[in-house]
């Protein structure tokens, strides 16, 4: 469980090796995210915005990443919560994809 003002979660996937990122699942807390932005990167200094999502306000959000994106790092930025405020509560985030061999 994590709660912060407009948090950005950074993840290293596949031990820093490239991976095809297919979708991201987010389990919200009591003030779960409403607007979310997904960024991908191959180095921590340059992030590319892939897509902005709006929460469906269900128990679990499944964010499908468009295209064929290969990345080493994933950033999930929660802009605001379901009530319009900036305090966002997230129970867990799961990133799904395939490692590049």
Protein backbone atom coordinates (compact mmCIF):
# COMPACT_ATOMS: atom_id res chain seq x y z
CA UNK A 1 0.00 0.00 0.00
CA UNK A 2 1.39 3.39 -1.00
CA UNK A 3 -0.15 6.83 -0.52
CA UNK A 4 1.36 10.12 -1.76
CA UNK A 5 0.58 13.38 -3.56
CA UNK A 6 0.57 12.71 -7.35
CA UNK A 7 3.08 9.84 -7.11
CA UNK A 8 5.28 8.53 -9.92
CA UNK A 9 6.30 4.86 -9.64
CA UNK A 10 9.53 3.83 -11.41
CA UNK A 11 10.21 0.16 -12.14
CA UNK A 12 13.15 -1.75 -13.62
CA UNK A 13 11.89 -4.68 -15.67
CA UNK A 14 13.69 -7.96 -16.40
CA UNK A 15 16.75 -6.96 -14.30
CA UNK A 16 17.49 -4.01 -16.59
CA UNK A 17 17.31 -5.99 -19.83
CA UNK A 18 14.87 -5.05 -22.58
CA UNK A 19 11.33 -6.38 -22.35
CA UNK A 20 8.22 -6.11 -24.46
CA UNK A 21 5.68 -4.35 -22.22
CA UNK A 22 2.10 -5.45 -22.93
CA UNK A 23 -0.04 -4.24 -20.03
CA UNK A 24 0.03 -2.80 -16.52
CA UNK A 25 -2.44 -3.73 -13.80
CA UNK A 26 -3.12 -1.29 -10.96
CA UNK A 27 -5.06 -2.15 -7.81
CA UNK A 28 -6.33 1.11 -6.28
CA UNK A 29 -6.72 1.93 -2.61
CA UNK A 30 -9.52 4.04 -1.14
CA UNK A 31 -8.46 7.14 -3.14
CA UNK A 32 -7.21 5.30 -6.20
CA UNK A 33 -5.79 7.02 -9.28
CA UNK A 34 -8.08 8.57 -11.88
CA UNK A 35 -5.76 10.01 -14.54
CA UNK A 36 -2.55 8.03 -15.11
CA UNK A 37 0.34 8.47 -17.54
CA UNK A 38 2.58 5.60 -18.66
CA UNK A 39 6.18 6.36 -19.63
CA UNK A 40 8.80 3.93 -20.99
CA UNK A 41 12.56 4.31 -21.23
CA UNK A 42 15.82 2.53 -21.98
CA UNK A 43 17.78 4.93 -19.76
CA UNK A 44 16.62 6.76 -16.65
CA UNK A 45 17.29 10.23 -18.12
CA UNK A 46 14.85 10.13 -21.06
CA UNK A 47 11.23 9.11 -20.64
CA UNK A 48 8.74 8.72 -23.49
CA UNK A 49 5.04 9.23 -22.78
CA UNK A 50 3.24 6.22 -24.23
CA UNK A 51 -0.35 6.92 -23.28
CA UNK A 52 -2.60 8.63 -20.73
CA UNK A 53 -5.32 6.52 -19.12
CA UNK A 54 -8.41 7.30 -17.08
CA UNK A 55 -9.40 4.84 -14.38
CA UNK A 56 -12.55 2.82 -14.86
CA UNK A 57 -13.11 3.11 -11.07
CA UNK A 58 -13.35 -0.64 -10.76
CA UNK A 59 -11.39 -2.79 -8.33
CA UNK A 60 -8.54 -3.43 -10.78
CA UNK A 61 -7.44 -1.37 -13.79
CA UNK A 62 -5.85 -3.20 -16.73
CA UNK A 63 -3.94 -0.66 -18.84
CA UNK A 64 -3.12 -2.14 -22.26
CA UNK A 65 0.02 -0.59 -23.74
CA UNK A 66 -0.46 0.20 -27.45
CA UNK A 67 2.06 -0.90 -30.08
CA UNK A 68 5.18 -2.98 -29.66
CA UNK A 69 7.19 -1.20 -27.00
CA UNK A 70 10.49 -2.57 -25.71
CA UNK A 71 11.85 -0.91 -22.59
CA UNK A 72 14.08 -1.42 -19.56
CA UNK A 73 12.20 0.98 -17.29
CA UNK A 74 8.54 1.79 -16.72
CA UNK A 75 7.11 4.87 -14.99
CA UNK A 76 3.50 5.05 -13.85
CA UNK A 77 2.57 8.65 -12.96
CA UNK A 78 -0.70 9.16 -11.10
CA UNK A 79 -1.85 12.71 -11.81
CA UNK A 80 -4.94 12.80 -9.56
CA UNK A 81 -7.32 10.56 -7.64
CA UNK A 82 -10.90 9.45 -8.34
CA UNK A 83 -12.26 12.34 -6.29
CA UNK A 84 -10.27 14.98 -8.19
CA UNK A 85 -7.65 15.54 -5.47
CA UNK A 86 -3.92 14.83 -5.57
CA UNK A 87 -3.62 12.29 -2.73
CA UNK A 88 -3.42 8.89 -4.49
CA UNK A 89 -3.51 5.50 -2.80
CA UNK A 90 -2.29 2.36 -4.66
CA UNK A 91 -2.28 -1.19 -3.28
CA UNK A 92 -0.08 -2.77 -5.94
CA UNK A 93 1.11 -2.45 -9.54
CA UNK A 94 1.85 -5.44 -11.78
CA UNK A 95 3.70 -5.10 -15.09
CA UNK A 96 3.20 -7.84 -17.69
CA UNK A 97 5.34 -8.48 -20.72
CA UNK A 98 7.86 -10.75 -22.37
CA UNK A 99 11.64 -10.60 -22.06
CA UNK A 100 13.60 -9.91 -25.24
CA UNK A 101 15.90 -12.85 -25.91
